[in-house]
Amino acid sequence: MSYPTLFTTAGVKAFAEAVDAERQRQLAKWGDQRHRDGTRASNREWADEARAACQHAADEDALSWAAILYEEFTEVLAEEDPAKLRAELVQVAAVCAAWISDLDRRPTDEAGEPR
C-alpha cells in the first residue's frame, strides 16, 4: 500500500507501516478491543526512579535505548490523565521509532547479520 508523503523524519514511514501491519494482525486475531488503562498515580515513584537511573546512565556515558524506553514506559504507567497518558504513549512510540531507526542503520556483514 502506498501512502502520501506525510513523514519527514527518516525511517518513520517504514515504522508507521510496520505498526499498521501489526495492528492489522492484532485486529484480525482479537478484533477491536476495549480495556481499562490500568495506570496508577502510585506508580509515580517507579517512574521517578527510572528517570533518575536514565539520567545517571546519561551522565556516565552509558545510556541505552532500553533505559530510555523503560523510563518512558514507567511514565505511562504512572499517568492517569487521558490527555497526558496519550502524550506519554506517543513518546513511547517515538522512542521505539528511534530505536528501530538505529537498528536499521547499524552495519551488517555479508549475510546481513549485525557486526
N, C-alpha and C. Protein backbone atom coordinates (compact mmCIF):
# COMPACT_ATOMS: atom_id res chain seq x y z
N MET A 1 0.85 -1.17 0.00
CA MET A 1 0.00 0.00 0.00
C MET A 1 0.90 1.23 0.00
N SER A 2 0.51 2.23 -0.74
CA SER A 2 1.30 3.45 -0.82
C SER A 2 0.54 4.59 -0.17
N TYR A 3 1.22 5.34 0.68
CA TYR A 3 0.62 6.45 1.38
C TYR A 3 1.20 7.75 0.84
N PRO A 4 0.46 8.84 0.94
CA PRO A 4 1.06 10.12 0.56
C PRO A 4 2.21 10.43 1.51
N THR A 5 3.13 11.25 1.07
CA THR A 5 4.27 11.60 1.91
C THR A 5 3.79 12.45 3.08
N LEU A 6 3.76 11.85 4.24
CA LEU A 6 3.33 12.54 5.46
C LEU A 6 4.47 12.68 6.45
N PHE A 7 5.48 11.83 6.31
CA PHE A 7 6.53 11.75 7.30
C PHE A 7 7.80 12.40 6.76
N THR A 8 8.43 13.19 7.61
CA THR A 8 9.67 13.85 7.19
C THR A 8 10.89 13.29 7.91
N THR A 9 10.70 12.59 9.00
CA THR A 9 11.81 12.01 9.75
C THR A 9 12.19 10.67 9.12
N ALA A 10 13.48 10.52 8.86
CA ALA A 10 13.97 9.28 8.24
C ALA A 10 13.52 8.06 9.04
N GLY A 11 12.99 7.08 8.36
CA GLY A 11 12.60 5.83 8.99
C GLY A 11 11.20 5.79 9.56
N VAL A 12 10.55 6.94 9.70
CA VAL A 12 9.24 6.95 10.35
C VAL A 12 8.16 6.34 9.46
N LYS A 13 8.26 6.53 8.15
CA LYS A 13 7.28 5.93 7.24
C LYS A 13 7.31 4.41 7.37
N ALA A 14 8.52 3.83 7.33
CA ALA A 14 8.65 2.38 7.46
C ALA A 14 8.14 1.91 8.83
N PHE A 15 8.44 2.69 9.87
CA PHE A 15 7.96 2.36 11.22
C PHE A 15 6.43 2.37 11.24
N ALA A 16 5.82 3.42 10.70
CA ALA A 16 4.36 3.52 10.70
C ALA A 16 3.73 2.37 9.91
N GLU A 17 4.34 2.01 8.80
CA GLU A 17 3.82 0.89 8.01
C GLU A 17 3.94 -0.42 8.77
N ALA A 18 5.04 -0.61 9.50
CA ALA A 18 5.20 -1.83 10.30
C ALA A 18 4.19 -1.87 11.44
N VAL A 19 3.96 -0.73 12.08
CA VAL A 19 2.97 -0.66 13.16
C VAL A 19 1.57 -0.93 12.60
N ASP A 20 1.27 -0.34 11.44
CA ASP A 20 -0.03 -0.57 10.82
C ASP A 20 -0.23 -2.05 10.48
N ALA A 21 0.80 -2.69 9.95
CA ALA A 21 0.70 -4.11 9.62
C ALA A 21 0.47 -4.94 10.89
N GLU A 22 1.18 -4.59 11.97
CA GLU A 22 0.98 -5.31 13.23
C GLU A 22 -0.43 -5.09 13.77
N ARG A 23 -0.94 -3.86 13.67
CA ARG A 23 -2.31 -3.59 14.13
C ARG A 23 -3.31 -4.41 13.33
N GLN A 24 -3.09 -4.55 12.03
CA GLN A 24 -3.99 -5.36 11.21
C GLN A 24 -3.97 -6.81 11.67
N ARG A 25 -2.78 -7.34 12.01
CA ARG A 25 -2.69 -8.71 12.53
C ARG A 25 -3.44 -8.82 13.86
N GLN A 26 -3.27 -7.82 14.74
CA GLN A 26 -3.96 -7.85 16.03
C GLN A 26 -5.48 -7.80 15.85
N LEU A 27 -5.93 -6.92 14.98
CA LEU A 27 -7.37 -6.81 14.73
C LEU A 27 -7.93 -8.11 14.16
N ALA A 28 -7.18 -8.73 13.26
CA ALA A 28 -7.64 -10.00 12.69
C ALA A 28 -7.71 -11.09 13.74
N LYS A 29 -6.77 -11.08 14.68
CA LYS A 29 -6.71 -12.14 15.69
C LYS A 29 -7.71 -11.90 16.83
N TRP A 30 -7.81 -10.67 17.33
CA TRP A 30 -8.60 -10.39 18.53
C TRP A 30 -9.77 -9.43 18.31
N GLY A 31 -9.86 -8.83 17.14
CA GLY A 31 -10.90 -7.84 16.91
C GLY A 31 -10.56 -6.53 17.62
N ASP A 32 -11.48 -5.58 17.54
CA ASP A 32 -11.27 -4.28 18.18
C ASP A 32 -11.51 -4.45 19.68
N GLN A 33 -10.50 -4.16 20.47
CA GLN A 33 -10.58 -4.39 21.91
C GLN A 33 -10.77 -3.09 22.67
N ARG A 34 -11.39 -3.18 23.84
CA ARG A 34 -11.55 -2.05 24.75
C ARG A 34 -11.18 -2.56 26.15
N HIS A 35 -10.25 -1.86 26.81
CA HIS A 35 -9.80 -2.24 28.15
C HIS A 35 -9.63 -1.00 29.01
N ARG A 36 -9.56 -1.20 30.32
CA ARG A 36 -9.20 -0.11 31.23
C ARG A 36 -7.75 0.28 30.96
N ASP A 37 -7.38 1.50 31.32
CA ASP A 37 -5.99 1.92 31.16
C ASP A 37 -5.08 1.15 32.11
N GLY A 38 -5.50 0.98 33.34
CA GLY A 38 -4.68 0.25 34.31
C GLY A 38 -3.51 1.03 34.86
N THR A 39 -3.50 2.33 34.63
CA THR A 39 -2.41 3.16 35.16
C THR A 39 -2.78 3.65 36.56
N ARG A 40 -1.74 3.98 37.35
CA ARG A 40 -1.99 4.43 38.72
C ARG A 40 -0.98 5.50 39.09
N ALA A 41 -1.45 6.53 39.75
CA ALA A 41 -0.56 7.58 40.24
C ALA A 41 0.48 7.01 41.20
N SER A 42 0.14 5.91 41.86
CA SER A 42 1.09 5.31 42.81
C SER A 42 2.33 4.76 42.10
N ASN A 43 2.30 4.67 40.78
CA ASN A 43 3.47 4.26 40.01
C ASN A 43 4.46 5.40 39.80
N ARG A 44 4.13 6.59 40.27
CA ARG A 44 4.98 7.77 40.06
C ARG A 44 6.38 7.55 40.64
N GLU A 45 6.48 6.91 41.81
CA GLU A 45 7.80 6.66 42.41
C GLU A 45 8.65 5.78 41.48
N TRP A 46 8.03 4.78 40.90
CA TRP A 46 8.71 3.90 39.95
C TRP A 46 9.21 4.71 38.76
N ALA A 47 8.36 5.60 38.24
CA ALA A 47 8.75 6.44 37.11
C ALA A 47 9.89 7.39 37.49
N ASP A 48 9.81 7.95 38.69
CA ASP A 48 10.87 8.85 39.15
C ASP A 48 12.21 8.11 39.26
N GLU A 49 12.17 6.88 39.77
CA GLU A 49 13.39 6.08 39.88
C GLU A 49 13.97 5.76 38.49
N ALA A 50 13.09 5.44 37.55
CA ALA A 50 13.54 5.14 36.19
C ALA A 50 14.15 6.38 35.54
N ARG A 51 13.54 7.54 35.79
CA ARG A 51 14.07 8.79 35.23
C ARG A 51 15.45 9.08 35.80
N ALA A 52 15.60 8.89 37.11
CA ALA A 52 16.90 9.14 37.75
C ALA A 52 17.96 8.16 37.23
N ALA A 53 17.58 6.90 37.06
CA ALA A 53 18.53 5.90 36.55
C ALA A 53 18.93 6.23 35.12
N CYS A 54 17.99 6.70 34.33
CA CYS A 54 18.28 7.07 32.94
C CYS A 54 19.23 8.27 32.92
N GLN A 55 18.96 9.25 33.77
CA GLN A 55 19.83 10.42 33.83
C GLN A 55 21.23 10.03 34.29
N HIS A 56 21.31 9.13 35.27
CA HIS A 56 22.61 8.67 35.76
C HIS A 56 23.38 7.97 34.63
N ALA A 57 22.68 7.12 33.88
CA ALA A 57 23.33 6.44 32.75
C ALA A 57 23.83 7.45 31.73
N ALA A 58 23.03 8.48 31.47
CA ALA A 58 23.45 9.52 30.52
C ALA A 58 24.68 10.25 31.05
N ASP A 59 24.68 10.56 32.34
CA ASP A 59 25.82 11.25 32.95
C ASP A 59 27.08 10.42 32.89
N GLU A 60 26.94 9.10 32.94
CA GLU A 60 28.08 8.18 32.92
C GLU A 60 28.43 7.72 31.51
N ASP A 61 27.80 8.32 30.50
CA ASP A 61 28.00 7.94 29.10
C ASP A 61 27.69 6.45 28.89
N ALA A 62 26.64 5.98 29.56
CA ALA A 62 26.24 4.58 29.47
C ALA A 62 24.76 4.45 29.11
N LEU A 63 24.22 5.49 28.48
CA LEU A 63 22.79 5.49 28.14
C LEU A 63 22.49 4.42 27.10
N SER A 64 21.35 3.77 27.24
CA SER A 64 20.93 2.74 26.29
C SER A 64 19.49 2.99 25.87
N TRP A 65 19.13 2.42 24.73
CA TRP A 65 17.74 2.51 24.30
C TRP A 65 16.82 1.85 25.33
N ALA A 66 17.28 0.76 25.91
CA ALA A 66 16.47 0.06 26.91
C ALA A 66 16.16 0.98 28.10
N ALA A 67 17.15 1.72 28.55
CA ALA A 67 16.95 2.64 29.68
C ALA A 67 15.97 3.75 29.31
N ILE A 68 16.11 4.28 28.10
CA ILE A 68 15.21 5.35 27.66
C ILE A 68 13.78 4.84 27.54
N LEU A 69 13.61 3.69 26.91
CA LEU A 69 12.26 3.13 26.76
C LEU A 69 11.66 2.78 28.11
N TYR A 70 12.46 2.23 29.00
CA TYR A 70 11.98 1.89 30.34
C TYR A 70 11.48 3.14 31.06
N GLU A 71 12.24 4.22 30.97
CA GLU A 71 11.81 5.48 31.60
C GLU A 71 10.47 5.93 31.03
N GLU A 72 10.36 5.96 29.71
CA GLU A 72 9.11 6.40 29.10
C GLU A 72 7.95 5.48 29.46
N PHE A 73 8.20 4.18 29.47
CA PHE A 73 7.16 3.21 29.80
C PHE A 73 6.65 3.40 31.23
N THR A 74 7.57 3.61 32.18
CA THR A 74 7.14 3.79 33.56
C THR A 74 6.34 5.08 33.71
N GLU A 75 6.66 6.09 32.91
CA GLU A 75 5.87 7.33 32.95
C GLU A 75 4.45 7.06 32.46
N VAL A 76 4.30 6.19 31.47
CA VAL A 76 2.96 5.79 31.01
C VAL A 76 2.19 5.16 32.16
N LEU A 77 2.83 4.25 32.87
CA LEU A 77 2.14 3.52 33.94
C LEU A 77 1.72 4.41 35.10
N ALA A 78 2.34 5.58 35.22
CA ALA A 78 2.05 6.48 36.32
C ALA A 78 1.05 7.59 35.95
N GLU A 79 0.63 7.66 34.70
CA GLU A 79 -0.21 8.77 34.25
C GLU A 79 -1.68 8.37 34.16
N GLU A 80 -2.53 9.10 34.87
CA GLU A 80 -3.96 8.80 34.87
C GLU A 80 -4.78 9.77 34.02
N ASP A 81 -4.27 10.95 33.76
CA ASP A 81 -4.99 11.93 32.94
C ASP A 81 -4.96 11.45 31.47
N PRO A 82 -6.11 11.26 30.84
CA PRO A 82 -6.13 10.71 29.48
C PRO A 82 -5.30 11.50 28.46
N ALA A 83 -5.35 12.82 28.49
CA ALA A 83 -4.58 13.62 27.52
C ALA A 83 -3.07 13.45 27.76
N LYS A 84 -2.67 13.47 29.02
CA LYS A 84 -1.25 13.29 29.34
C LYS A 84 -0.80 11.86 29.07
N LEU A 85 -1.69 10.89 29.33
CA LEU A 85 -1.38 9.49 29.03
C LEU A 85 -1.15 9.31 27.53
N ARG A 86 -1.99 9.93 26.73
CA ARG A 86 -1.82 9.84 25.28
C ARG A 86 -0.46 10.41 24.86
N ALA A 87 -0.11 11.56 25.44
CA ALA A 87 1.18 12.17 25.11
C ALA A 87 2.34 11.25 25.51
N GLU A 88 2.23 10.60 26.66
CA GLU A 88 3.28 9.67 27.09
C GLU A 88 3.36 8.47 26.16
N LEU A 89 2.22 7.96 25.72
CA LEU A 89 2.23 6.83 24.79
C LEU A 89 2.86 7.21 23.46
N VAL A 90 2.61 8.44 23.01
CA VAL A 90 3.26 8.92 21.79
C VAL A 90 4.77 8.96 21.98
N GLN A 91 5.21 9.37 23.17
CA GLN A 91 6.65 9.40 23.45
C GLN A 91 7.23 7.99 23.41
N VAL A 92 6.51 7.01 23.94
CA VAL A 92 6.97 5.62 23.86
C VAL A 92 7.11 5.20 22.40
N ALA A 93 6.11 5.51 21.59
CA ALA A 93 6.16 5.15 20.17
C ALA A 93 7.33 5.83 19.48
N ALA A 94 7.60 7.09 19.82
CA ALA A 94 8.71 7.82 19.20
C ALA A 94 10.05 7.21 19.59
N VAL A 95 10.18 6.79 20.84
CA VAL A 95 11.42 6.13 21.26
C VAL A 95 11.57 4.80 20.50
N CYS A 96 10.48 4.06 20.36
CA CYS A 96 10.54 2.81 19.59
C CYS A 96 10.97 3.10 18.15
N ALA A 97 10.43 4.15 17.55
CA ALA A 97 10.81 4.51 16.18
C ALA A 97 12.29 4.85 16.10
N ALA A 98 12.79 5.60 17.08
CA ALA A 98 14.20 5.97 17.09
C ALA A 98 15.09 4.75 17.26
N TRP A 99 14.70 3.85 18.14
CA TRP A 99 15.49 2.64 18.39
C TRP A 99 15.52 1.77 17.12
N ILE A 100 14.36 1.59 16.49
CA ILE A 100 14.31 0.82 15.25
C ILE A 100 15.16 1.47 14.17
N SER A 101 15.10 2.79 14.07
CA SER A 101 15.92 3.51 13.10
C SER A 101 17.40 3.25 13.35
N ASP A 102 17.80 3.28 14.60
CA ASP A 102 19.19 3.00 14.97
C ASP A 102 19.57 1.57 14.57
N LEU A 103 18.70 0.61 14.87
CA LEU A 103 18.96 -0.79 14.49
C LEU A 103 19.12 -0.92 12.98
N ASP A 104 18.24 -0.25 12.24
CA ASP A 104 18.26 -0.37 10.79
C ASP A 104 19.51 0.26 10.16
N ARG A 105 20.15 1.18 10.84
CA ARG A 105 21.34 1.85 10.29
C ARG A 105 22.64 1.21 10.73
N ARG A 106 22.58 0.19 11.56
CA ARG A 106 23.81 -0.47 12.02
C ARG A 106 24.44 -1.27 10.91
N PRO A 107 25.76 -1.29 10.89
CA PRO A 107 26.45 -2.07 9.85
C PRO A 107 26.16 -3.56 10.00
N THR A 108 26.12 -4.24 8.86
CA THR A 108 25.92 -5.69 8.86
C THR A 108 27.02 -6.35 8.05
N ASP A 109 27.17 -7.64 8.27
CA ASP A 109 28.16 -8.39 7.48
C ASP A 109 27.50 -8.83 6.16
N GLU A 110 28.20 -9.64 5.38
CA GLU A 110 27.70 -10.06 4.08
C GLU A 110 26.39 -10.84 4.18
N ALA A 111 26.17 -11.52 5.30
CA ALA A 111 24.95 -12.30 5.50
C ALA A 111 23.80 -11.45 6.04
N GLY A 112 24.07 -10.16 6.27
CA GLY A 112 23.03 -9.27 6.80
C GLY A 112 22.93 -9.29 8.30
N GLU A 113 23.88 -9.95 8.97
CA GLU A 113 23.89 -10.02 10.43
C GLU A 113 24.59 -8.79 10.99
N PRO A 114 24.13 -8.27 12.13
CA PRO A 114 24.81 -7.12 12.74
C PRO A 114 26.24 -7.46 13.10
N ARG A 115 27.12 -6.48 12.92
CA ARG A 115 28.53 -6.67 13.30
C ARG A 115 28.73 -6.27 14.72
